Amino acid sequence: MSFSRGPKEPVPEVETSVWSCTKEDCQGWMRESFSFEDEPSCPLCQSEMAKEVRVIPELK
């Protein structure tokens, strides 16, 4: 079995709605479509989260 280290196909990035932690020193975020709650808490620190749009890799 061999592994190629050559150039890989670029992953398309799209604007995606996400929940982002409002606590200044926390980097927590999640895709809005992966949340089961209307207003989720941060999974890392349990702080309040706010909606925002990020350009992130597309999931297929």
PDB file of N, CA and C in Angstrom:
ATOM      1  N   MET A   1       0.842  -1.171   0.000  1.00  0.00           N
ATOM      2  CA  MET A   1       0.000   0.000   0.000  1.00  0.00           C
ATOM      3  C   MET A   1       0.895   1.244   0.000  1.00  0.00           C
ATOM      4  N   SER A   2       0.598   2.196  -0.852  1.00  0.00           N
ATOM      5  CA  SER A   2       1.396   3.422  -0.873  1.00  0.00           C
ATOM      6  C   SER A   2       0.497   4.637  -0.667  1.00  0.00           C
ATOM      7  N   PHE A   3       1.082   5.641  -0.083  1.00  0.00           N
ATOM      8  CA  PHE A   3       0.361   6.885   0.182  1.00  0.00           C
ATOM      9  C   PHE A   3       0.986   7.994  -0.643  1.00  0.00           C
ATOM     10  N   SER A   4       0.170   8.718  -1.361  1.00  0.00           N
ATOM     11  CA  SER A   4       0.668   9.803  -2.186  1.00  0.00           C
ATOM     12  C   SER A   4       0.742  11.086  -1.365  1.00  0.00           C
ATOM     13  N   ARG A   5       1.854  11.771  -1.446  1.00  0.00           N
ATOM     14  CA  ARG A   5       1.989  13.061  -0.778  1.00  0.00           C
ATOM     15  C   ARG A   5       1.874  14.196  -1.774  1.00  0.00           C
ATOM     16  N   GLY A   6       1.414  13.893  -2.970  1.00  0.00           N
ATOM     17  CA  GLY A   6       1.277  14.893  -4.020  1.00  0.00           C
ATOM     18  C   GLY A   6       0.118  15.827  -3.724  1.00  0.00           C
ATOM     19  N   PRO A   7      -0.141  16.761  -4.628  1.00  0.00           N
ATOM     20  CA  PRO A   7      -1.234  17.722  -4.423  1.00  0.00           C
ATOM     21  C   PRO A   7      -2.578  17.012  -4.311  1.00  0.00           C
ATOM     22  N   LYS A   8      -3.378  17.482  -3.402  1.00  0.00           N
ATOM     23  CA  LYS A   8      -4.704  16.922  -3.192  1.00  0.00           C
ATOM     24  C   LYS A   8      -5.731  17.851  -3.814  1.00  0.00           C
ATOM     25  N   GLU A   9      -6.904  17.281  -4.112  1.00  0.00           N
ATOM     26  CA  GLU A   9      -7.984  18.114  -4.631  1.00  0.00           C
ATOM     27  C   GLU A   9      -8.399  19.107  -3.563  1.00  0.00           C
ATOM     28  N   PRO A  10      -8.591  20.369  -3.927  1.00  0.00           N
ATOM     29  CA  PRO A  10      -9.037  21.341  -2.926  1.00  0.00           C
ATOM     30  C   PRO A  10     -10.466  21.032  -2.489  1.00  0.00           C
ATOM     31  N   VAL A  11     -10.729  21.206  -1.204  1.00  0.00           N
ATOM     32  CA  VAL A  11     -12.068  20.996  -0.672  1.00  0.00           C
ATOM     33  C   VAL A  11     -12.831  22.302  -0.844  1.00  0.00           C
ATOM     34  N   PRO A  12     -13.998  22.263  -1.507  1.00  0.00           N
ATOM     35  CA  PRO A  12     -14.756  23.506  -1.690  1.00  0.00           C
ATOM     36  C   PRO A  12     -15.208  24.080  -0.354  1.00  0.00           C
ATOM     37  N   GLU A  13     -15.104  25.395  -0.215  1.00  0.00           N
ATOM     38  CA  GLU A  13     -15.558  26.062   1.003  1.00  0.00           C
ATOM     39  C   GLU A  13     -16.817  26.853   0.693  1.00  0.00           C
ATOM     40  N   VAL A  14     -17.762  26.845   1.641  1.00  0.00           N
ATOM     41  CA  VAL A  14     -19.037  27.527   1.449  1.00  0.00           C
ATOM     42  C   VAL A  14     -19.384  28.341   2.686  1.00  0.00           C
ATOM     43  N   GLU A  15     -20.195  29.385   2.487  1.00  0.00           N
ATOM     44  CA  GLU A  15     -20.701  30.147   3.630  1.00  0.00           C
ATOM     45  C   GLU A  15     -21.697  29.263   4.372  1.00  0.00           C
ATOM     46  N   THR A  16     -21.495  29.124   5.677  1.00  0.00           N
ATOM     47  CA  THR A  16     -22.300  28.214   6.485  1.00  0.00           C
ATOM     48  C   THR A  16     -22.733  28.908   7.768  1.00  0.00           C
ATOM     49  N   SER A  17     -23.988  28.745   8.148  1.00  0.00           N
ATOM     50  CA  SER A  17     -24.473  29.290   9.419  1.00  0.00           C
ATOM     51  C   SER A  17     -23.942  28.433  10.557  1.00  0.00           C
ATOM     52  N   VAL A  18     -23.348  29.093  11.543  1.00  0.00           N
ATOM     53  CA  VAL A  18     -22.786  28.379  12.688  1.00  0.00           C
ATOM     54  C   VAL A  18     -23.197  29.075  13.989  1.00  0.00           C
ATOM     55  N   TRP A  19     -23.081  28.349  15.080  1.00  0.00           N
ATOM     56  CA  TRP A  19     -23.188  28.912  16.423  1.00  0.00           C
ATOM     57  C   TRP A  19     -21.762  29.098  16.909  1.00  0.00           C
ATOM     58  N   SER A  20     -21.443  30.277  17.434  1.00  0.00           N
ATOM     59  CA  SER A  20     -20.104  30.582  17.914  1.00  0.00           C
ATOM     60  C   SER A  20     -20.178  31.013  19.376  1.00  0.00           C
ATOM     61  N   CYS A  21     -19.255  30.530  20.190  1.00  0.00           N
ATOM     62  CA  CYS A  21     -19.239  30.865  21.615  1.00  0.00           C
ATOM     63  C   CYS A  21     -19.001  32.370  21.806  1.00  0.00           C
ATOM     64  N   THR A  22     -19.715  32.975  22.734  1.00  0.00           N
ATOM     65  CA  THR A  22     -19.577  34.404  22.998  1.00  0.00           C
ATOM     66  C   THR A  22     -18.481  34.707  24.023  1.00  0.00           C
ATOM     67  N   LYS A  23     -17.962  33.683  24.700  1.00  0.00           N
ATOM     68  CA  LYS A  23     -16.896  33.903  25.687  1.00  0.00           C
ATOM     69  C   LYS A  23     -15.590  34.218  24.954  1.00  0.00           C
ATOM     70  N   GLU A  24     -14.956  35.306  25.325  1.00  0.00           N
ATOM     71  CA  GLU A  24     -13.806  35.831  24.588  1.00  0.00           C
ATOM     72  C   GLU A  24     -12.659  34.842  24.424  1.00  0.00           C
ATOM     73  N   ASP A  25     -12.342  34.066  25.454  1.00  0.00           N
ATOM     74  CA  ASP A  25     -11.186  33.175  25.370  1.00  0.00           C
ATOM     75  C   ASP A  25     -11.547  31.744  24.975  1.00  0.00           C
ATOM     76  N   CYS A  26     -12.763  31.527  24.471  1.00  0.00           N
ATOM     77  CA  CYS A  26     -13.177  30.192  24.034  1.00  0.00           C
ATOM     78  C   CYS A  26     -13.305  30.167  22.516  1.00  0.00           C
ATOM     79  N   GLN A  27     -12.836  29.110  21.906  1.00  0.00           N
ATOM     80  CA  GLN A  27     -12.872  28.965  20.447  1.00  0.00           C
ATOM     81  C   GLN A  27     -14.027  28.063  19.984  1.00  0.00           C
ATOM     82  N   GLY A  28     -14.965  27.726  20.894  1.00  0.00           N
ATOM     83  CA  GLY A  28     -16.035  26.788  20.563  1.00  0.00           C
ATOM     84  C   GLY A  28     -16.985  27.287  19.486  1.00  0.00           C
ATOM     85  N   TRP A  29     -17.353  26.389  18.583  1.00  0.00           N
ATOM     86  CA  TRP A  29     -18.360  26.697  17.568  1.00  0.00           C
ATOM     87  C   TRP A  29     -18.898  25.381  17.040  1.00  0.00           C
ATOM     88  N   MET A  30     -20.066  25.435  16.390  1.00  0.00           N
ATOM     89  CA  MET A  30     -20.647  24.256  15.757  1.00  0.00           C
ATOM     90  C   MET A  30     -21.516  24.692  14.588  1.00  0.00           C
ATOM     91  N   ARG A  31     -21.627  23.830  13.601  1.00  0.00           N
ATOM     92  CA  ARG A  31     -22.517  24.116  12.478  1.00  0.00           C
ATOM     93  C   ARG A  31     -23.948  24.164  13.002  1.00  0.00           C
ATOM     94  N   GLU A  32     -24.713  25.151  12.520  1.00  0.00           N
ATOM     95  CA  GLU A  32     -26.101  25.292  12.964  1.00  0.00           C
ATOM     96  C   GLU A  32     -26.882  24.009  12.682  1.00  0.00           C
ATOM     97  N   SER A  33     -26.618  23.366  11.562  1.00  0.00           N
ATOM     98  CA  SER A  33     -27.345  22.150  11.198  1.00  0.00           C
ATOM     99  C   SER A  33     -27.004  20.965  12.105  1.00  0.00           C
ATOM    100  N   PHE A  34     -25.939  21.056  12.913  1.00  0.00           N
ATOM    101  CA  PHE A  34     -25.573  19.972  13.826  1.00  0.00           C
ATOM    102  C   PHE A  34     -26.099  20.196  15.239  1.00  0.00           C
ATOM    103  N   SER A  35     -26.815  21.290  15.462  1.00  0.00           N
ATOM    104  CA  SER A  35     -27.346  21.603  16.783  1.00  0.00           C
ATOM    105  C   SER A  35     -28.758  21.053  16.915  1.00  0.00           C
ATOM    106  N   PHE A  36     -29.053  20.463  18.065  1.00  0.00           N
ATOM    107  CA  PHE A  36     -30.391  19.931  18.321  1.00  0.00           C
ATOM    108  C   PHE A  36     -31.249  20.926  19.098  1.00  0.00           C
ATOM    109  N   GLU A  37     -30.671  22.046  19.517  1.00  0.00           N
ATOM    110  CA  GLU A  37     -31.386  23.033  20.319  1.00  0.00           C
ATOM    111  C   GLU A  37     -31.566  24.325  19.534  1.00  0.00           C
ATOM    112  N   ASP A  38     -32.611  25.098  19.886  1.00  0.00           N
ATOM    113  CA  ASP A  38     -32.842  26.387  19.240  1.00  0.00           C
ATOM    114  C   ASP A  38     -31.757  27.393  19.603  1.00  0.00           C
ATOM    115  N   GLU A  39     -31.290  27.350  20.846  1.00  0.00           N
ATOM    116  CA  GLU A  39     -30.209  28.222  21.315  1.00  0.00           C
ATOM    117  C   GLU A  39     -29.258  27.387  22.172  1.00  0.00           C
ATOM    118  N   PRO A  40     -28.286  26.741  21.533  1.00  0.00           N
ATOM    119  CA  PRO A  40     -27.401  25.834  22.278  1.00  0.00           C
ATOM    120  C   PRO A  40     -26.408  26.557  23.181  1.00  0.00           C
ATOM    121  N   SER A  41     -25.887  25.822  24.147  1.00  0.00           N
ATOM    122  CA  SER A  41     -24.778  26.291  24.987  1.00  0.00           C
ATOM    123  C   SER A  41     -23.494  25.772  24.368  1.00  0.00           C
ATOM    124  N   CYS A  42     -22.404  26.453  24.635  1.00  0.00           N
ATOM    125  CA  CYS A  42     -21.106  26.019  24.115  1.00  0.00           C
ATOM    126  C   CYS A  42     -20.765  24.630  24.665  1.00  0.00           C
ATOM    127  N   PRO A  43     -20.411  23.678  23.795  1.00  0.00           N
ATOM    128  CA  PRO A  43     -20.067  22.336  24.272  1.00  0.00           C
ATOM    129  C   PRO A  43     -18.752  22.299  25.059  1.00  0.00           C
ATOM    130  N   LEU A  44     -17.930  23.346  24.930  1.00  0.00           N
ATOM    131  CA  LEU A  44     -16.647  23.370  25.634  1.00  0.00           C
ATOM    132  C   LEU A  44     -16.728  24.045  26.994  1.00  0.00           C
ATOM    133  N   CYS A  45     -17.460  25.188  27.081  1.00  0.00           N
ATOM    134  CA  CYS A  45     -17.464  25.942  28.341  1.00  0.00           C
ATOM    135  C   CYS A  45     -18.870  26.248  28.865  1.00  0.00           C
ATOM    136  N   GLN A  46     -19.909  25.816  28.150  1.00  0.00           N
ATOM    137  CA  GLN A  46     -21.308  26.022  28.518  1.00  0.00           C
ATOM    138  C   GLN A  46     -21.759  27.483  28.504  1.00  0.00           C
ATOM    139  N   SER A  47     -21.000  28.372  27.865  1.00  0.00           N
ATOM    140  CA  SER A  47     -21.404  29.774  27.730  1.00  0.00           C
ATOM    141  C   SER A  47     -22.465  29.910  26.648  1.00  0.00           C
ATOM    142  N   GLU A  48     -23.051  31.108  26.564  1.00  0.00           N
ATOM    143  CA  GLU A  48     -24.038  31.410  25.534  1.00  0.00           C
ATOM    144  C   GLU A  48     -23.356  31.425  24.168  1.00  0.00           C
ATOM    145  N   MET A  49     -24.128  31.085  23.127  1.00  0.00           N
ATOM    146  CA  MET A  49     -23.596  31.096  21.771  1.00  0.00           C
ATOM    147  C   MET A  49     -24.414  32.049  20.912  1.00  0.00           C
ATOM    148  N   ALA A  50     -23.806  32.577  19.848  1.00  0.00           N
ATOM    149  CA  ALA A  50     -24.472  33.494  18.934  1.00  0.00           C
ATOM    150  C   ALA A  50     -24.316  32.985  17.511  1.00  0.00           C
ATOM    151  N   LYS A  51     -25.327  33.252  16.675  1.00  0.00           N
ATOM    152  CA  LYS A  51     -25.257  32.824  15.270  1.00  0.00           C
ATOM    153  C   LYS A  51     -24.313  33.730  14.499  1.00  0.00           C
ATOM    154  N   GLU A  52     -23.586  33.131  13.575  1.00  0.00           N
ATOM    155  CA  GLU A  52     -22.749  33.881  12.641  1.00  0.00           C
ATOM    156  C   GLU A  52     -22.567  33.034  11.392  1.00  0.00           C
ATOM    157  N   VAL A  53     -21.981  33.612  10.366  1.00  0.00           N
ATOM    158  CA  VAL A  53     -21.714  32.896   9.117  1.00  0.00           C
ATOM    159  C   VAL A  53     -20.208  32.800   8.955  1.00  0.00           C
ATOM    160  N   ARG A  54     -19.729  31.593   8.658  1.00  0.00           N
ATOM    161  CA  ARG A  54     -18.297  31.361   8.419  1.00  0.00           C
ATOM    162  C   ARG A  54     -18.124  30.676   7.071  1.00  0.00           C
ATOM    163  N   VAL A  55     -16.984  30.880   6.468  1.00  0.00           N
ATOM    164  CA  VAL A  55     -16.643  30.157   5.246  1.00  0.00           C
ATOM    165  C   VAL A  55     -15.808  28.965   5.688  1.00  0.00           C
ATOM    166  N   ILE A  56     -16.400  27.774   5.565  1.00  0.00           N
ATOM    167  CA  ILE A  56     -15.751  26.551   6.031  1.00  0.00           C
ATOM    168  C   ILE A  56     -15.914  25.459   4.981  1.00  0.00           C
ATOM    169  N   PRO A  57     -15.133  24.370   5.102  1.00  0.00           N
ATOM    170  CA  PRO A  57     -15.227  23.287   4.116  1.00  0.00           C
ATOM    171  C   PRO A  57     -16.635  22.701   4.042  1.00  0.00           C
ATOM    172  N   GLU A  58     -17.051  22.425   2.825  1.00  0.00           N
ATOM    173  CA  GLU A  58     -18.377  21.876   2.583  1.00  0.00           C
ATOM    174  C   GLU A  58     -18.408  20.402   2.991  1.00  0.00           C
ATOM    175  N   LEU A  59     -19.515  20.003   3.625  1.00  0.00           N
ATOM    176  CA  LEU A  59     -19.723  18.589   3.943  1.00  0.00           C
ATOM    177  C   LEU A  59     -20.599  17.976   2.870  1.00  0.00           C
ATOM    178  N   LYS A  60     -20.274  16.764   2.484  1.00  0.00           N
ATOM    179  CA  LYS A  60     -21.084  16.108   1.436  1.00  0.00           C
ATOM    180  C   LYS A  60     -21.841  14.954   2.001  1.00  0.00           C
TER     181      LYS A  60
END
